[in-house]
Amino acid sequence: MVAETEAGHYRQAESMLEEADAISARLGGKSSTGEVNDLRLARATLLQAEGKGDEAAKCLQKSAVPPEAPGKISYNWLDVSLAHATVELTQGHPAAALEQAAEVQRRLEGSGKALYFKRWASEAALIEGKSLLLENRAAGALPQLQRAVQLGSEVYDPELSPDLADAKIALALCLLDLGRSEQAHAVGSQAKAIHKANRELGEHYRRPLRQLEARIRLH
């Protein structure tokens, strides 16, 4: 389902989600909380990709996240928290997105196990950076976006990952805002190369690259 959404096959992703929901219904509530949340997260991701932020937010409101014990972090809590932050960001609520992502960062750092959660740390840093950009705080966004790219390069395929490309696009836009056009061009060209290496990518990935290209000519 996630792969279909990533590739822009939104109808196929919806069909797969409907099938998974039907299977869950036939199990009569025997699915685990984690499995149910996984389906809701996948649906929320699809809805966001389709530009349906309000529906994605409603979907996430149903996700059950049990209280975390002090010093403990679960994949479920991380996934749901970052999904909420992403929805806030796409709905144009940077302050709320920033607060949610910053809480994830604090919990990761306080756990003493941040080394094992680089993907989530990268995502949280990206959300923080994008939120600060929306608030016209490019100088504050820069270290977060640099961290997102650095961590993303360690956990994603550096030549194929659209998520890494997304982080690089945000970094390039930040560098442009800071007047560092040469660096922005270099980072943006790396992102464009990743896009070219993917035969299919959804519009939710393509759109930010076009926005960057509208400000700077890439090759």
N, C-alpha and C. Protein backbone atom coordinates (compact mmCIF):
# COMPACT_ATOMS: atom_id res chain seq x y z
N MET A 1 0.82 -1.21 0.00
CA MET A 1 0.00 0.00 0.00
C MET A 1 0.85 1.26 0.00
N VAL A 2 1.87 1.28 0.86
CA VAL A 2 2.75 2.44 0.93
C VAL A 2 3.50 2.62 -0.38
N ALA A 3 3.95 1.51 -0.95
CA ALA A 3 4.68 1.59 -2.22
C ALA A 3 3.79 2.13 -3.34
N GLU A 4 2.53 1.71 -3.34
CA GLU A 4 1.60 2.20 -4.37
C GLU A 4 1.35 3.69 -4.21
N THR A 5 1.21 4.14 -2.97
CA THR A 5 1.03 5.57 -2.72
C THR A 5 2.26 6.34 -3.15
N GLU A 6 3.43 5.83 -2.82
CA GLU A 6 4.69 6.48 -3.19
C GLU A 6 4.81 6.65 -4.69
N ALA A 7 4.37 5.63 -5.42
CA ALA A 7 4.47 5.66 -6.88
C ALA A 7 3.36 6.48 -7.53
N GLY A 8 2.41 6.93 -6.73
CA GLY A 8 1.31 7.71 -7.29
C GLY A 8 0.16 6.87 -7.79
N HIS A 9 0.14 5.60 -7.43
CA HIS A 9 -0.96 4.71 -7.83
C HIS A 9 -2.04 4.78 -6.75
N TYR A 10 -2.70 5.91 -6.67
CA TYR A 10 -3.60 6.15 -5.56
C TYR A 10 -4.82 5.23 -5.57
N ARG A 11 -5.35 4.94 -6.77
CA ARG A 11 -6.51 4.06 -6.84
C ARG A 11 -6.16 2.64 -6.40
N GLN A 12 -4.98 2.18 -6.81
CA GLN A 12 -4.56 0.84 -6.40
C GLN A 12 -4.35 0.78 -4.89
N ALA A 13 -3.76 1.83 -4.33
CA ALA A 13 -3.55 1.88 -2.88
C ALA A 13 -4.87 1.84 -2.15
N GLU A 14 -5.86 2.59 -2.66
CA GLU A 14 -7.19 2.60 -2.04
C GLU A 14 -7.83 1.22 -2.10
N SER A 15 -7.68 0.54 -3.23
CA SER A 15 -8.24 -0.80 -3.37
C SER A 15 -7.61 -1.76 -2.37
N MET A 16 -6.30 -1.67 -2.19
CA MET A 16 -5.60 -2.54 -1.24
C MET A 16 -6.04 -2.24 0.19
N LEU A 17 -6.25 -0.98 0.50
CA LEU A 17 -6.71 -0.61 1.84
C LEU A 17 -8.11 -1.14 2.11
N GLU A 18 -8.96 -1.04 1.11
CA GLU A 18 -10.33 -1.55 1.28
C GLU A 18 -10.31 -3.06 1.52
N GLU A 19 -9.45 -3.75 0.80
CA GLU A 19 -9.34 -5.20 0.99
C GLU A 19 -8.83 -5.51 2.40
N ALA A 20 -7.83 -4.77 2.86
CA ALA A 20 -7.29 -4.99 4.20
C ALA A 20 -8.33 -4.68 5.26
N ASP A 21 -9.12 -3.63 5.05
CA ASP A 21 -10.19 -3.30 6.00
C ASP A 21 -11.23 -4.41 6.06
N ALA A 22 -11.52 -4.99 4.91
CA ALA A 22 -12.51 -6.07 4.86
C ALA A 22 -12.01 -7.29 5.61
N ILE A 23 -10.73 -7.59 5.45
CA ILE A 23 -10.14 -8.72 6.18
C ILE A 23 -10.20 -8.47 7.67
N SER A 24 -9.86 -7.24 8.08
CA SER A 24 -9.90 -6.88 9.50
C SER A 24 -11.31 -7.02 10.06
N ALA A 25 -12.30 -6.61 9.26
CA ALA A 25 -13.70 -6.71 9.71
C ALA A 25 -14.11 -8.17 9.88
N ARG A 26 -13.64 -9.04 8.97
CA ARG A 26 -13.99 -10.46 9.06
C ARG A 26 -13.37 -11.12 10.28
N LEU A 27 -12.26 -10.53 10.77
CA LEU A 27 -11.62 -11.09 11.95
C LEU A 27 -12.37 -10.72 13.23
N GLY A 28 -13.39 -9.86 13.09
CA GLY A 28 -14.25 -9.55 14.22
C GLY A 28 -13.55 -8.85 15.36
N GLY A 29 -12.66 -7.91 15.04
CA GLY A 29 -11.99 -7.16 16.10
C GLY A 29 -10.80 -7.86 16.71
N LYS A 30 -10.35 -8.94 16.07
CA LYS A 30 -9.22 -9.69 16.61
C LYS A 30 -7.88 -9.11 16.19
N SER A 31 -7.88 -8.12 15.31
CA SER A 31 -6.63 -7.50 14.89
C SER A 31 -6.03 -6.74 16.07
N SER A 32 -4.70 -6.72 16.15
CA SER A 32 -4.04 -6.01 17.23
C SER A 32 -4.14 -4.51 17.02
N THR A 33 -3.92 -3.75 18.09
CA THR A 33 -3.95 -2.29 18.00
C THR A 33 -2.92 -1.81 16.99
N GLY A 34 -1.75 -2.45 16.99
CA GLY A 34 -0.70 -2.07 16.05
C GLY A 34 -1.12 -2.27 14.61
N GLU A 35 -1.79 -3.38 14.33
CA GLU A 35 -2.24 -3.66 12.96
C GLU A 35 -3.30 -2.67 12.51
N VAL A 36 -4.22 -2.35 13.42
CA VAL A 36 -5.26 -1.38 13.09
C VAL A 36 -4.64 -0.02 12.83
N ASN A 37 -3.69 0.38 13.68
CA ASN A 37 -3.04 1.67 13.50
C ASN A 37 -2.24 1.71 12.20
N ASP A 38 -1.62 0.59 11.83
CA ASP A 38 -0.87 0.54 10.58
C ASP A 38 -1.78 0.85 9.39
N LEU A 39 -2.99 0.28 9.42
CA LEU A 39 -3.94 0.54 8.34
C LEU A 39 -4.37 2.00 8.33
N ARG A 40 -4.61 2.54 9.51
CA ARG A 40 -5.03 3.95 9.58
C ARG A 40 -3.91 4.87 9.13
N LEU A 41 -2.68 4.54 9.49
CA LEU A 41 -1.54 5.36 9.06
C LEU A 41 -1.38 5.29 7.54
N ALA A 42 -1.56 4.10 6.99
CA ALA A 42 -1.45 3.95 5.54
C ALA A 42 -2.54 4.75 4.84
N ARG A 43 -3.74 4.73 5.40
CA ARG A 43 -4.84 5.49 4.80
C ARG A 43 -4.59 7.00 4.94
N ALA A 44 -4.11 7.42 6.09
CA ALA A 44 -3.82 8.83 6.29
C ALA A 44 -2.74 9.30 5.33
N THR A 45 -1.74 8.46 5.10
CA THR A 45 -0.68 8.80 4.15
C THR A 45 -1.25 8.96 2.75
N LEU A 46 -2.13 8.05 2.37
CA LEU A 46 -2.77 8.14 1.05
C LEU A 46 -3.61 9.41 0.93
N LEU A 47 -4.39 9.70 1.95
CA LEU A 47 -5.25 10.88 1.91
C LEU A 47 -4.43 12.17 1.80
N GLN A 48 -3.31 12.21 2.51
CA GLN A 48 -2.44 13.38 2.41
C GLN A 48 -1.85 13.50 1.00
N ALA A 49 -1.45 12.37 0.44
CA ALA A 49 -0.88 12.38 -0.92
C ALA A 49 -1.90 12.90 -1.92
N GLU A 50 -3.17 12.62 -1.65
CA GLU A 50 -4.26 13.07 -2.53
C GLU A 50 -4.69 14.49 -2.23
N GLY A 51 -4.05 15.12 -1.27
CA GLY A 51 -4.41 16.48 -0.91
C GLY A 51 -5.63 16.60 -0.04
N LYS A 52 -5.98 15.53 0.67
CA LYS A 52 -7.17 15.52 1.53
C LYS A 52 -6.74 15.57 2.99
N GLY A 53 -6.14 16.69 3.37
CA GLY A 53 -5.60 16.84 4.71
C GLY A 53 -6.63 16.72 5.81
N ASP A 54 -7.81 17.29 5.62
CA ASP A 54 -8.85 17.22 6.65
C ASP A 54 -9.28 15.77 6.92
N GLU A 55 -9.42 15.01 5.84
CA GLU A 55 -9.80 13.60 6.00
C GLU A 55 -8.68 12.80 6.66
N ALA A 56 -7.45 13.14 6.34
CA ALA A 56 -6.31 12.46 6.97
C ALA A 56 -6.29 12.73 8.46
N ALA A 57 -6.57 13.97 8.85
CA ALA A 57 -6.60 14.32 10.27
C ALA A 57 -7.68 13.54 11.00
N LYS A 58 -8.86 13.43 10.41
CA LYS A 58 -9.95 12.67 11.03
C LYS A 58 -9.59 11.20 11.17
N CYS A 59 -8.91 10.67 10.16
CA CYS A 59 -8.48 9.27 10.21
C CYS A 59 -7.52 9.03 11.37
N LEU A 60 -6.58 9.96 11.56
CA LEU A 60 -5.59 9.79 12.61
C LEU A 60 -6.18 9.97 14.00
N GLN A 61 -7.27 10.69 14.12
CA GLN A 61 -7.91 10.87 15.42
C GLN A 61 -8.38 9.55 16.01
N LYS A 62 -8.57 8.56 15.15
CA LYS A 62 -9.04 7.25 15.60
C LYS A 62 -7.90 6.33 16.04
N SER A 63 -6.65 6.76 15.79
CA SER A 63 -5.50 5.91 16.12
C SER A 63 -5.27 5.90 17.62
N ALA A 64 -5.26 4.71 18.18
CA ALA A 64 -5.06 4.57 19.62
C ALA A 64 -3.57 4.47 19.93
N VAL A 65 -3.09 5.36 20.79
CA VAL A 65 -1.69 5.33 21.20
C VAL A 65 -1.65 5.22 22.71
N PRO A 66 -1.28 4.06 23.25
CA PRO A 66 -1.25 3.90 24.70
C PRO A 66 -0.21 4.81 25.33
N PRO A 67 -0.46 5.25 26.57
CA PRO A 67 0.50 6.12 27.24
C PRO A 67 1.88 5.46 27.32
N GLU A 68 2.91 6.25 27.08
CA GLU A 68 4.27 5.74 27.13
C GLU A 68 4.82 5.84 28.55
N ALA A 69 5.47 4.77 29.00
CA ALA A 69 6.13 4.82 30.30
C ALA A 69 7.36 5.72 30.20
N PRO A 70 7.78 6.33 31.31
CA PRO A 70 8.95 7.20 31.27
C PRO A 70 10.16 6.48 30.68
N GLY A 71 10.82 7.12 29.73
CA GLY A 71 12.01 6.53 29.13
C GLY A 71 11.74 5.49 28.08
N LYS A 72 10.47 5.21 27.80
CA LYS A 72 10.12 4.19 26.83
C LYS A 72 9.57 4.84 25.55
N ILE A 73 9.90 4.24 24.42
CA ILE A 73 9.40 4.72 23.14
C ILE A 73 8.99 3.51 22.31
N SER A 74 7.82 3.58 21.71
CA SER A 74 7.37 2.49 20.84
C SER A 74 7.31 2.98 19.40
N TYR A 75 7.44 2.04 18.47
CA TYR A 75 7.30 2.38 17.06
C TYR A 75 5.92 2.97 16.80
N ASN A 76 4.92 2.44 17.47
CA ASN A 76 3.56 2.90 17.28
C ASN A 76 3.43 4.38 17.65
N TRP A 77 3.97 4.74 18.81
CA TRP A 77 3.89 6.14 19.25
C TRP A 77 4.64 7.05 18.28
N LEU A 78 5.81 6.63 17.84
CA LEU A 78 6.59 7.44 16.90
C LEU A 78 5.83 7.64 15.59
N ASP A 79 5.30 6.55 15.05
CA ASP A 79 4.61 6.63 13.76
C ASP A 79 3.38 7.54 13.83
N VAL A 80 2.58 7.34 14.86
CA VAL A 80 1.35 8.12 14.99
C VAL A 80 1.67 9.59 15.27
N SER A 81 2.64 9.84 16.14
CA SER A 81 3.00 11.22 16.47
C SER A 81 3.51 11.97 15.25
N LEU A 82 4.37 11.35 14.47
CA LEU A 82 4.91 12.01 13.28
C LEU A 82 3.84 12.15 12.19
N ALA A 83 2.92 11.21 12.13
CA ALA A 83 1.82 11.33 11.17
C ALA A 83 0.95 12.54 11.52
N HIS A 84 0.67 12.72 12.81
CA HIS A 84 -0.09 13.90 13.25
C HIS A 84 0.66 15.18 12.89
N ALA A 85 1.97 15.19 13.12
CA ALA A 85 2.77 16.38 12.83
C ALA A 85 2.76 16.69 11.34
N THR A 86 2.83 15.66 10.51
CA THR A 86 2.82 15.84 9.07
C THR A 86 1.49 16.42 8.60
N VAL A 87 0.39 15.93 9.17
CA VAL A 87 -0.93 16.46 8.82
C VAL A 87 -1.02 17.93 9.20
N GLU A 88 -0.55 18.27 10.39
CA GLU A 88 -0.58 19.68 10.81
C GLU A 88 0.20 20.54 9.84
N LEU A 89 1.33 20.04 9.39
CA LEU A 89 2.17 20.79 8.46
C LEU A 89 1.46 21.00 7.13
N THR A 90 0.88 19.93 6.58
CA THR A 90 0.23 20.03 5.28
C THR A 90 -1.05 20.87 5.35
N GLN A 91 -1.61 21.00 6.54
CA GLN A 91 -2.80 21.83 6.71
C GLN A 91 -2.45 23.30 6.98
N GLY A 92 -1.16 23.59 6.99
CA GLY A 92 -0.73 24.97 7.19
C GLY A 92 -0.69 25.40 8.64
N HIS A 93 -0.41 24.44 9.55
CA HIS A 93 -0.31 24.75 10.97
C HIS A 93 1.12 24.47 11.44
N PRO A 94 2.08 25.30 11.04
CA PRO A 94 3.48 25.02 11.35
C PRO A 94 3.80 24.97 12.84
N ALA A 95 3.15 25.81 13.64
CA ALA A 95 3.45 25.83 15.07
C ALA A 95 3.08 24.49 15.72
N ALA A 96 1.91 23.96 15.36
CA ALA A 96 1.48 22.67 15.91
C ALA A 96 2.37 21.54 15.42
N ALA A 97 2.74 21.59 14.15
CA ALA A 97 3.64 20.56 13.60
C ALA A 97 4.99 20.61 14.28
N LEU A 98 5.49 21.81 14.49
CA LEU A 98 6.79 21.99 15.14
C LEU A 98 6.77 21.44 16.56
N GLU A 99 5.71 21.72 17.29
CA GLU A 99 5.59 21.24 18.67
C GLU A 99 5.57 19.72 18.72
N GLN A 100 4.81 19.09 17.82
CA GLN A 100 4.71 17.64 17.81
C GLN A 100 6.04 16.99 17.44
N ALA A 101 6.70 17.52 16.40
CA ALA A 101 7.98 16.96 15.97
C ALA A 101 9.06 17.17 17.02
N ALA A 102 9.03 18.33 17.68
CA ALA A 102 10.03 18.61 18.72
C ALA A 102 9.87 17.66 19.90
N GLU A 103 8.62 17.30 20.20
CA GLU A 103 8.38 16.34 21.28
C GLU A 103 8.97 14.98 20.93
N VAL A 104 8.83 14.58 19.68
CA VAL A 104 9.44 13.32 19.24
C VAL A 104 10.96 13.39 19.40
N GLN A 105 11.54 14.51 18.98
CA GLN A 105 12.99 14.67 19.13
C GLN A 105 13.41 14.58 20.59
N ARG A 106 12.68 15.24 21.46
CA ARG A 106 13.03 15.22 22.90
C ARG A 106 12.93 13.81 23.46
N ARG A 107 11.89 13.10 23.08
CA ARG A 107 11.72 11.74 23.59
C ARG A 107 12.82 10.81 23.09
N LEU A 108 13.19 11.00 21.84
CA LEU A 108 14.26 10.17 21.28
C LEU A 108 15.58 10.44 21.99
N GLU A 109 15.89 11.71 22.17
CA GLU A 109 17.14 12.07 22.82
C GLU A 109 17.17 11.62 24.27
N GLY A 110 16.01 11.70 24.93
CA GLY A 110 15.95 11.30 26.33
C GLY A 110 15.94 9.80 26.55
N SER A 111 15.67 9.05 25.49
CA SER A 111 15.59 7.58 25.64
C SER A 111 16.96 6.93 25.75
N GLY A 112 17.98 7.62 25.26
CA GLY A 112 19.31 7.03 25.25
C GLY A 112 19.49 6.01 24.14
N LYS A 113 18.47 5.89 23.26
CA LYS A 113 18.51 4.91 22.18
C LYS A 113 18.30 5.55 20.81
N ALA A 114 18.60 6.84 20.72
CA ALA A 114 18.36 7.57 19.48
C ALA A 114 19.09 6.96 18.30
N LEU A 115 20.21 6.31 18.56
CA LEU A 115 21.00 5.69 17.50
C LEU A 115 20.18 4.67 16.72
N TYR A 116 19.21 4.05 17.38
CA TYR A 116 18.40 3.01 16.74
C TYR A 116 17.13 3.54 16.09
N PHE A 117 16.93 4.84 16.16
CA PHE A 117 15.71 5.43 15.62
C PHE A 117 16.03 6.55 14.64
N LYS A 118 17.05 6.35 13.82
CA LYS A 118 17.50 7.41 12.92
C LYS A 118 16.43 7.81 11.90
N ARG A 119 15.67 6.84 11.42
CA ARG A 119 14.65 7.17 10.42
C ARG A 119 13.63 8.14 11.00
N TRP A 120 13.17 7.86 12.22
CA TRP A 120 12.18 8.72 12.86
C TRP A 120 12.80 10.07 13.23
N ALA A 121 14.06 10.05 13.65
CA ALA A 121 14.73 11.31 13.98
C ALA A 121 14.88 12.18 12.73
N SER A 122 15.17 11.54 11.60
CA SER A 122 15.29 12.26 10.34
C SER A 122 13.95 12.89 9.96
N GLU A 123 12.88 12.12 10.11
CA GLU A 123 11.54 12.62 9.76
C GLU A 123 11.14 13.78 10.67
N ALA A 124 11.43 13.64 11.97
CA ALA A 124 11.09 14.71 12.91
C ALA A 124 11.86 15.98 12.59
N ALA A 125 13.14 15.84 12.28
CA ALA A 125 13.96 17.01 11.93
C ALA A 125 13.45 17.67 10.66
N LEU A 126 13.00 16.87 9.70
CA LEU A 126 12.47 17.42 8.45
C LEU A 126 11.20 18.21 8.71
N ILE A 127 10.32 17.67 9.53
CA ILE A 127 9.07 18.37 9.85
C ILE A 127 9.38 19.68 10.59
N GLU A 128 10.33 19.63 11.53
CA GLU A 128 10.71 20.85 12.23
C GLU A 128 11.25 21.89 11.24
N GLY A 129 12.14 21.44 10.35
CA GLY A 129 12.73 22.36 9.40
C GLY A 129 11.71 22.97 8.47
N LYS A 130 10.81 22.15 7.95
CA LYS A 130 9.76 22.66 7.06
C LYS A 130 8.83 23.63 7.80
N SER A 131 8.54 23.32 9.06
CA SER A 131 7.67 24.19 9.84
C SER A 131 8.31 25.56 10.04
N LEU A 132 9.60 25.56 10.35
CA LEU A 132 10.31 26.82 10.54
C LEU A 132 10.39 27.62 9.24
N LEU A 133 10.52 26.92 8.12
CA LEU A 133 10.51 27.61 6.83
C LEU A 133 9.18 28.30 6.59
N LEU A 134 8.09 27.62 6.94
CA LEU A 134 6.76 28.22 6.77
C LEU A 134 6.59 29.45 7.65
N GLU A 135 7.33 29.49 8.74
CA GLU A 135 7.27 30.64 9.64
C GLU A 135 8.32 31.68 9.27
N ASN A 136 8.94 31.51 8.09
CA ASN A 136 9.98 32.45 7.61
C ASN A 136 11.17 32.53 8.56
N ARG A 137 11.56 31.37 9.09
CA ARG A 137 12.70 31.29 10.02
C ARG A 137 13.75 30.37 9.41
N ALA A 138 14.28 30.79 8.26
CA ALA A 138 15.20 29.94 7.51
C ALA A 138 16.48 29.63 8.29
N ALA A 139 16.99 30.60 9.03
CA ALA A 139 18.23 30.38 9.80
C ALA A 139 18.03 29.27 10.83
N GLY A 140 16.86 29.25 11.46
CA GLY A 140 16.58 28.19 12.43
C GLY A 140 16.28 26.87 11.77
N ALA A 141 15.73 26.92 10.55
CA ALA A 141 15.39 25.69 9.84
C ALA A 141 16.62 24.97 9.32
N LEU A 142 17.67 25.73 8.99
CA LEU A 142 18.85 25.15 8.34
C LEU A 142 19.44 23.96 9.09
N PRO A 143 19.78 24.06 10.39
CA PRO A 143 20.38 22.90 11.06
C PRO A 143 19.46 21.69 11.12
N GLN A 144 18.15 21.93 11.22
CA GLN A 144 17.22 20.81 11.24
C GLN A 144 17.18 20.10 9.89
N LEU A 145 17.16 20.87 8.82
CA LEU A 145 17.11 20.27 7.49
C LEU A 145 18.43 19.59 7.14
N GLN A 146 19.53 20.15 7.58
CA GLN A 146 20.82 19.50 7.38
C GLN A 146 20.86 18.17 8.13
N ARG A 147 20.31 18.15 9.32
CA ARG A 147 20.26 16.92 10.11
C ARG A 147 19.35 15.89 9.44
N ALA A 148 18.22 16.36 8.91
CA ALA A 148 17.31 15.45 8.22
C ALA A 148 17.99 14.78 7.04
N VAL A 149 18.76 15.55 6.27
CA VAL A 149 19.47 15.00 5.11
C VAL A 149 20.59 14.05 5.56
N GLN A 150 21.31 14.45 6.60
CA GLN A 150 22.41 13.61 7.08
C GLN A 150 21.90 12.25 7.57
N LEU A 151 20.89 12.28 8.45
CA LEU A 151 20.34 11.04 8.97
C LEU A 151 19.65 10.24 7.87
N GLY A 152 18.94 10.95 6.99
CA GLY A 152 18.27 10.26 5.89
C GLY A 152 19.25 9.55 4.98
N SER A 153 20.42 10.13 4.78
CA SER A 153 21.44 9.50 3.94
C SER A 153 21.97 8.21 4.55
N GLU A 154 21.81 8.08 5.87
CA GLU A 154 22.30 6.90 6.57
C GLU A 154 21.28 5.76 6.58
N VAL A 155 20.01 6.10 6.41
CA VAL A 155 18.98 5.05 6.52
C VAL A 155 18.21 4.79 5.22
N TYR A 156 18.29 5.71 4.26
CA TYR A 156 17.60 5.55 2.99
C TYR A 156 18.61 5.29 1.87
N ASP A 157 18.13 4.75 0.77
CA ASP A 157 18.97 4.57 -0.41
C ASP A 157 19.31 5.97 -0.95
N PRO A 158 20.59 6.35 -0.95
CA PRO A 158 20.96 7.71 -1.35
C PRO A 158 20.71 8.02 -2.82
N GLU A 159 20.49 6.99 -3.63
CA GLU A 159 20.28 7.22 -5.06
C GLU A 159 18.82 7.06 -5.48
N LEU A 160 17.99 6.47 -4.61
CA LEU A 160 16.62 6.17 -5.01
C LEU A 160 15.53 6.68 -4.08
N SER A 161 15.85 7.04 -2.87
CA SER A 161 14.81 7.35 -1.89
C SER A 161 14.12 8.68 -2.16
N PRO A 162 12.82 8.67 -2.44
CA PRO A 162 12.09 9.93 -2.62
C PRO A 162 11.98 10.71 -1.32
N ASP A 163 12.03 10.02 -0.18
CA ASP A 163 11.98 10.72 1.10
C ASP A 163 13.26 11.52 1.32
N LEU A 164 14.39 10.96 0.93
CA LEU A 164 15.64 11.69 1.02
C LEU A 164 15.63 12.87 0.05
N ALA A 165 15.09 12.64 -1.14
CA ALA A 165 14.97 13.74 -2.11
C ALA A 165 14.11 14.86 -1.55
N ASP A 166 13.04 14.50 -0.85
CA ASP A 166 12.16 15.50 -0.27
C ASP A 166 12.90 16.36 0.75
N ALA A 167 13.74 15.71 1.56
CA ALA A 167 14.54 16.45 2.54
C ALA A 167 15.53 17.37 1.84
N LYS A 168 16.12 16.90 0.75
CA LYS A 168 17.09 17.72 0.03
C LYS A 168 16.41 18.90 -0.65
N ILE A 169 15.19 18.71 -1.13
CA ILE A 169 14.45 19.82 -1.73
C ILE A 169 14.17 20.89 -0.68
N ALA A 170 13.75 20.47 0.50
CA ALA A 170 13.49 21.43 1.58
C ALA A 170 14.77 22.16 1.96
N LEU A 171 15.88 21.43 2.02
CA LEU A 171 17.16 22.06 2.33
C LEU A 171 17.56 23.07 1.27
N ALA A 172 17.36 22.71 0.00
CA ALA A 172 17.69 23.62 -1.09
C ALA A 172 16.85 24.90 -1.01
N LEU A 173 15.58 24.77 -0.71
CA LEU A 173 14.71 25.94 -0.57
C LEU A 173 15.18 26.83 0.58
N CYS A 174 15.61 26.20 1.66
CA CYS A 174 16.11 26.94 2.81
C CYS A 174 17.38 27.70 2.44
N LEU A 175 18.28 27.04 1.73
CA LEU A 175 19.53 27.68 1.30
C LEU A 175 19.24 28.87 0.39
N LEU A 176 18.24 28.74 -0.46
CA LEU A 176 17.85 29.86 -1.32
C LEU A 176 17.37 31.04 -0.48
N ASP A 177 16.57 30.75 0.53
CA ASP A 177 16.07 31.81 1.40
C ASP A 177 17.22 32.53 2.11
N LEU A 178 18.30 31.81 2.33
CA LEU A 178 19.46 32.39 3.02
C LEU A 178 20.46 33.01 2.05
N GLY A 179 20.11 33.02 0.76
CA GLY A 179 20.98 33.63 -0.24
C GLY A 179 22.16 32.78 -0.65
N ARG A 180 22.10 31.49 -0.38
CA ARG A 180 23.21 30.58 -0.71
C ARG A 180 22.83 29.77 -1.94
N SER A 181 22.72 30.47 -3.07
CA SER A 181 22.17 29.86 -4.29
C SER A 181 23.05 28.76 -4.86
N GLU A 182 24.36 28.89 -4.77
CA GLU A 182 25.24 27.86 -5.32
C GLU A 182 25.06 26.54 -4.59
N GLN A 183 25.00 26.60 -3.26
CA GLN A 183 24.78 25.38 -2.48
C GLN A 183 23.38 24.83 -2.74
N ALA A 184 22.42 25.72 -2.86
CA ALA A 184 21.04 25.29 -3.13
C ALA A 184 20.98 24.54 -4.45
N HIS A 185 21.68 25.04 -5.45
CA HIS A 185 21.68 24.39 -6.77
C HIS A 185 22.26 22.99 -6.67
N ALA A 186 23.36 22.84 -5.93
CA ALA A 186 24.02 21.53 -5.80
C ALA A 186 23.10 20.52 -5.12
N VAL A 187 22.46 20.94 -4.02
CA VAL A 187 21.57 20.04 -3.28
C VAL A 187 20.33 19.73 -4.10
N GLY A 188 19.79 20.75 -4.76
CA GLY A 188 18.61 20.54 -5.59
C GLY A 188 18.87 19.60 -6.75
N SER A 189 20.04 19.68 -7.33
CA SER A 189 20.39 18.78 -8.43
C SER A 189 20.48 17.34 -7.96
N GLN A 190 20.93 17.14 -6.72
CA GLN A 190 20.96 15.78 -6.16
C GLN A 190 19.54 15.24 -6.01
N ALA A 191 18.64 16.09 -5.56
CA ALA A 191 17.24 15.66 -5.42
C ALA A 191 16.63 15.33 -6.77
N LYS A 192 16.93 16.13 -7.77
CA LYS A 192 16.39 15.89 -9.10
C LYS A 192 16.92 14.58 -9.67
N ALA A 193 18.17 14.26 -9.38
CA ALA A 193 18.76 13.00 -9.85
C ALA A 193 18.03 11.80 -9.25
N ILE A 194 17.64 11.92 -7.99
CA ILE A 194 16.88 10.84 -7.35
C ILE A 194 15.53 10.67 -8.04
N HIS A 195 14.88 11.78 -8.34
CA HIS A 195 13.59 11.71 -9.03
C HIS A 195 13.74 11.05 -10.40
N LYS A 196 14.79 11.39 -11.11
CA LYS A 196 15.00 10.81 -12.43
C LYS A 196 15.25 9.31 -12.35
N ALA A 197 15.83 8.87 -11.24
CA ALA A 197 16.13 7.45 -11.06
C ALA A 197 14.90 6.62 -10.76
N ASN A 198 13.80 7.28 -10.40
CA ASN A 198 12.55 6.59 -10.11
C ASN A 198 11.63 6.66 -11.33
N ARG A 199 11.21 5.51 -11.80
CA ARG A 199 10.35 5.47 -12.98
C ARG A 199 8.99 6.11 -12.69
N GLU A 200 8.49 5.92 -11.47
CA GLU A 200 7.19 6.48 -11.12
C GLU A 200 7.26 7.08 -9.71
N LEU A 201 6.72 8.28 -9.57
CA LEU A 201 6.61 8.92 -8.27
C LEU A 201 5.29 9.69 -8.23
N GLY A 202 4.68 9.70 -7.07
CA GLY A 202 3.41 10.40 -6.92
C GLY A 202 3.56 11.91 -7.02
N GLU A 203 2.44 12.55 -7.30
CA GLU A 203 2.42 14.01 -7.43
C GLU A 203 2.86 14.69 -6.14
N HIS A 204 2.61 14.06 -4.99
CA HIS A 204 3.01 14.67 -3.72
C HIS A 204 4.51 14.76 -3.58
N TYR A 205 5.25 13.96 -4.34
CA TYR A 205 6.70 14.09 -4.39
C TYR A 205 7.14 15.05 -5.51
N ARG A 206 6.45 14.98 -6.64
CA ARG A 206 6.83 15.80 -7.80
C ARG A 206 6.60 17.29 -7.57
N ARG A 207 5.54 17.62 -6.87
CA ARG A 207 5.16 19.03 -6.72
C ARG A 207 6.26 19.87 -6.05
N PRO A 208 6.85 19.41 -4.94
CA PRO A 208 7.90 20.21 -4.31
C PRO A 208 9.10 20.45 -5.23
N LEU A 209 9.44 19.45 -6.06
CA LEU A 209 10.57 19.65 -6.97
C LEU A 209 10.24 20.73 -7.99
N ARG A 210 9.01 20.74 -8.49
CA ARG A 210 8.62 21.79 -9.43
C ARG A 210 8.68 23.16 -8.77
N GLN A 211 8.29 23.22 -7.51
CA GLN A 211 8.35 24.49 -6.79
C GLN A 211 9.80 24.97 -6.66
N LEU A 212 10.70 24.02 -6.41
CA LEU A 212 12.12 24.39 -6.34
C LEU A 212 12.62 24.84 -7.69
N GLU A 213 12.23 24.12 -8.74
CA GLU A 213 12.70 24.46 -10.09
C GLU A 213 12.16 25.81 -10.54
N ALA A 214 11.03 26.21 -10.00
CA ALA A 214 10.48 27.51 -10.35
C ALA A 214 11.36 28.64 -9.80
N ARG A 215 12.14 28.30 -8.78
CA ARG A 215 13.02 29.31 -8.19
C ARG A 215 14.47 29.19 -8.66
N ILE A 216 14.85 28.02 -9.14
CA ILE A 216 16.24 27.81 -9.54
C ILE A 216 16.29 26.79 -10.67
N ARG A 217 17.11 27.03 -11.67
CA ARG A 217 17.23 26.11 -12.79
C ARG A 217 18.18 24.97 -12.42
N LEU A 218 17.66 23.74 -12.46
CA LEU A 218 18.45 22.56 -12.10
C LEU A 218 18.83 21.80 -13.35
N HIS A 219 19.91 21.03 -13.24
CA HIS A 219 20.31 20.18 -14.37
C HIS A 219 20.75 18.82 -13.86
